[in-house]
Amino acid sequence: MTALTTASEDVARLTRWADDFPEPGVRFADLTPVFADAKAFRDVIDALVEVGDGADLVAGIDARGFLLGAGAALALDAGVLAVRKAGKLPPPVLTREYQLEYGTASLEIPADGIELAGRRVLVIDDVLATGGTLAAAADLLTTAGAEVVGIAVVLEIESLGGRSRLAGHPVTSLLRV
């Protein structure tokens, strides 16, 4: 059995679904039980590492992507970059605003202090929904001169069509629902 298959089974078994959260009409995928299970968490990290071959930096998106990104970066012997929500980093920063399925938000990365030009980056997040968050992160990194070598998520909600916003980037989902 491959790491992707094992991780997919773990995610399907352990994900907790919350209807009408954070607002009516939204179905929230809570991956906390997946991350709290040591074997499932290891399986998820192993599967993410398989798609990150050749990356020298892993960008984890605020906040659950931090957990995944750090684990994958250690296993890949790569650096890790926290892609933060707006207002969490001192200036100067690069910022991208994007649409969520239930509002708008912004992501930021440092504009200096980290040389991103020429870096090969794997972008990791927990869920691919509408694709706005991941598209904003990929755009930020590309603007900074990095090459996004892949985007990896634990869970993809296919009905929201987020993959279409990530054209031009290889996308791997451990589980598609």
Protein backbone atom coordinates (compact mmCIF):
# COMPACT_ATOMS: atom_id res chain seq x y z
CA MET A 1 0.00 0.00 0.00
CA THR A 2 1.39 3.45 -0.89
CA ALA A 3 1.73 6.29 1.59
CA LEU A 4 -0.97 8.19 -0.33
CA THR A 5 -3.44 5.31 -0.06
CA THR A 6 -2.77 4.79 3.64
CA ALA A 7 -3.08 8.51 4.39
CA SER A 8 -6.28 8.75 2.35
CA GLU A 9 -7.85 5.96 4.39
CA ASP A 10 -6.79 7.61 7.66
CA VAL A 11 -8.22 10.98 6.61
CA ALA A 12 -11.52 9.42 5.49
CA ARG A 13 -11.84 7.53 8.76
CA LEU A 14 -10.85 10.29 11.19
CA THR A 15 -12.12 13.58 9.72
CA ARG A 16 -14.88 15.18 11.80
CA TRP A 17 -17.48 17.09 9.78
CA ALA A 18 -19.28 20.15 11.19
CA ASP A 19 -22.28 21.40 9.23
CA ASP A 20 -23.13 25.12 9.23
CA PHE A 21 -19.74 26.14 10.62
CA PRO A 22 -18.39 28.81 10.71
CA GLU A 23 -21.67 30.03 9.21
CA PRO A 24 -24.86 28.54 7.77
CA GLY A 25 -24.35 26.63 4.53
CA VAL A 26 -20.64 25.87 5.10
CA ARG A 27 -19.55 22.31 5.88
CA PHE A 28 -16.29 22.41 7.85
CA ALA A 29 -13.81 19.54 7.68
CA ASP A 30 -12.10 19.28 11.07
CA LEU A 31 -8.82 17.44 10.65
CA THR A 32 -7.88 17.75 14.33
CA PRO A 33 -8.62 14.04 14.98
CA VAL A 34 -6.33 13.09 12.06
CA PHE A 35 -3.46 15.16 13.47
CA ALA A 36 -4.05 13.90 17.03
CA ASP A 37 -3.63 10.27 15.93
CA ALA A 38 0.13 9.59 15.83
CA LYS A 39 -0.04 6.93 13.10
CA ALA A 40 -2.43 8.93 10.91
CA PHE A 41 -0.34 12.08 11.30
CA ARG A 42 2.82 10.17 10.28
CA ASP A 43 0.96 8.67 7.31
CA VAL A 44 -0.17 12.14 6.19
CA ILE A 45 3.35 13.58 6.49
CA ASP A 46 4.80 10.59 4.59
CA ALA A 47 2.30 11.12 1.76
CA LEU A 48 3.00 14.86 1.58
CA VAL A 49 6.74 14.15 1.44
CA GLU A 50 6.22 11.89 -1.59
CA VAL A 51 4.93 14.86 -3.61
CA GLY A 52 7.59 17.26 -2.34
CA ASP A 53 10.60 15.62 -3.94
CA GLY A 54 13.03 18.33 -5.04
CA ALA A 55 11.58 21.08 -2.84
CA ASP A 56 14.11 23.04 -0.78
CA LEU A 57 11.42 25.01 1.06
CA VAL A 58 7.97 24.06 2.33
CA ALA A 59 5.39 26.83 2.71
CA GLY A 60 2.71 25.98 5.27
CA ILE A 61 -0.41 28.12 5.25
CA ASP A 62 -1.79 29.60 8.49
CA ALA A 63 -2.63 27.75 10.66
CA ARG A 64 -3.06 24.01 10.17
CA GLY A 65 -0.64 24.18 7.24
CA PHE A 66 2.04 25.14 9.79
CA LEU A 67 1.74 21.70 11.42
CA LEU A 68 1.87 19.87 8.11
CA GLY A 69 4.54 22.08 6.59
CA ALA A 70 6.90 21.70 9.52
CA GLY A 71 6.60 17.92 9.51
CA ALA A 72 7.09 17.68 5.75
CA ALA A 73 10.02 20.11 5.79
CA LEU A 74 11.86 18.07 8.41
CA ALA A 75 11.33 14.87 6.46
CA LEU A 76 12.48 16.55 3.21
CA ASP A 77 15.49 18.18 4.87
CA ALA A 78 14.07 21.51 3.66
CA GLY A 79 13.37 24.85 5.24
CA VAL A 80 9.87 25.86 6.27
CA LEU A 81 8.07 29.16 5.66
CA ALA A 82 4.94 30.16 7.55
CA VAL A 83 2.50 31.90 5.19
CA ARG A 84 0.66 34.12 7.69
CA LYS A 85 -2.73 35.75 7.98
CA ALA A 86 -2.60 39.53 7.60
CA GLY A 87 -1.22 41.57 10.49
CA LYS A 88 0.93 38.82 12.04
CA LEU A 89 4.29 39.84 10.53
CA PRO A 90 6.25 43.06 10.91
CA PRO A 91 6.68 45.13 7.74
CA PRO A 92 7.76 44.99 5.05
CA VAL A 93 5.52 42.19 3.78
CA LEU A 94 4.07 40.99 0.51
CA THR A 95 0.28 40.67 0.75
CA ARG A 96 -2.47 39.03 -1.30
CA GLU A 97 -6.20 39.39 -0.61
CA TYR A 98 -8.44 36.53 -1.71
CA GLN A 99 -12.01 35.28 -1.55
CA LEU A 100 -13.10 32.52 0.81
CA GLU A 101 -16.33 30.58 0.45
CA TYR A 102 -17.60 32.70 3.35
CA GLY A 103 -15.77 36.07 3.06
CA THR A 104 -12.41 37.62 2.23
CA ALA A 105 -8.98 37.35 3.84
CA SER A 106 -5.32 38.22 3.21
CA LEU A 107 -2.07 36.29 3.40
CA GLU A 108 1.42 37.68 3.96
CA ILE A 109 5.03 36.62 3.71
CA PRO A 110 8.15 38.60 4.61
CA ALA A 111 9.30 40.96 1.85
CA ASP A 112 12.88 40.73 3.12
CA GLY A 113 15.00 38.61 5.43
CA ILE A 114 14.36 35.41 3.46
CA GLU A 115 15.72 35.00 -0.05
CA LEU A 116 12.93 33.34 -2.01
CA ALA A 117 14.22 33.98 -5.55
CA GLY A 118 15.09 30.66 -7.16
CA ARG A 119 13.78 28.56 -4.27
CA ARG A 120 11.79 25.43 -5.14
CA VAL A 121 8.72 25.53 -2.90
CA LEU A 122 6.09 22.96 -1.97
CA VAL A 123 2.93 24.72 -0.72
CA ILE A 124 0.94 22.78 1.89
CA ASP A 125 -2.45 23.38 3.47
CA ASP A 126 -5.07 21.25 5.15
CA VAL A 127 -8.11 21.74 2.88
CA LEU A 128 -8.63 22.79 -0.73
CA ALA A 129 -12.09 24.35 -0.94
CA THR A 130 -12.56 27.29 -3.33
CA GLY A 131 -8.81 27.57 -3.96
CA GLY A 132 -8.47 31.22 -2.96
CA THR A 133 -6.05 30.64 -0.11
CA LEU A 134 -3.74 28.38 -2.08
CA ALA A 135 -3.87 30.59 -5.19
CA ALA A 136 -2.95 33.63 -3.07
CA ALA A 137 -0.05 31.75 -1.44
CA ALA A 138 1.28 30.51 -4.79
CA ASP A 139 1.01 34.03 -6.23
CA LEU A 140 2.87 35.52 -3.27
CA LEU A 141 5.71 33.03 -3.62
CA THR A 142 5.93 33.46 -7.39
CA THR A 143 5.97 37.25 -7.00
CA ALA A 144 8.91 36.82 -4.61
CA GLY A 145 10.77 34.85 -7.28
CA ALA A 146 10.19 31.32 -6.00
CA GLU A 147 9.19 28.37 -8.15
CA VAL A 148 6.10 26.58 -6.81
CA VAL A 149 6.92 22.93 -7.55
CA GLY A 150 3.68 21.60 -6.14
CA ILE A 151 0.65 22.19 -3.99
CA ALA A 152 -0.44 19.49 -1.55
CA VAL A 153 -3.49 19.30 0.67
CA VAL A 154 -4.91 16.71 3.02
CA LEU A 155 -8.53 17.06 1.88
CA GLU A 156 -10.10 18.49 -1.28
CA ILE A 157 -13.80 19.38 -1.44
CA GLU A 158 -14.33 18.84 -5.17
CA SER A 159 -17.79 20.42 -5.40
CA LEU A 160 -16.28 23.86 -4.64
CA GLY A 161 -14.03 23.74 -7.71
CA GLY A 162 -10.89 25.10 -6.07
CA ARG A 163 -8.53 23.05 -8.23
CA SER A 164 -9.50 25.16 -11.26
CA ARG A 165 -7.99 28.26 -9.58
CA LEU A 166 -4.62 26.53 -9.32
CA ALA A 167 -4.01 25.96 -13.03
CA GLY A 168 -0.33 25.78 -13.85
CA HIS A 169 0.56 24.11 -10.55
CA PRO A 170 0.60 20.37 -9.87
CA VAL A 171 -1.96 19.70 -7.11
CA THR A 172 -2.07 16.60 -4.91
CA SER A 173 -4.93 15.86 -2.53
CA LEU A 174 -4.64 12.99 -0.09
CA LEU A 175 -8.43 12.60 -0.11
CA ARG A 176 -10.99 14.09 -2.50
CA VAL A 177 -14.63 14.26 -1.35
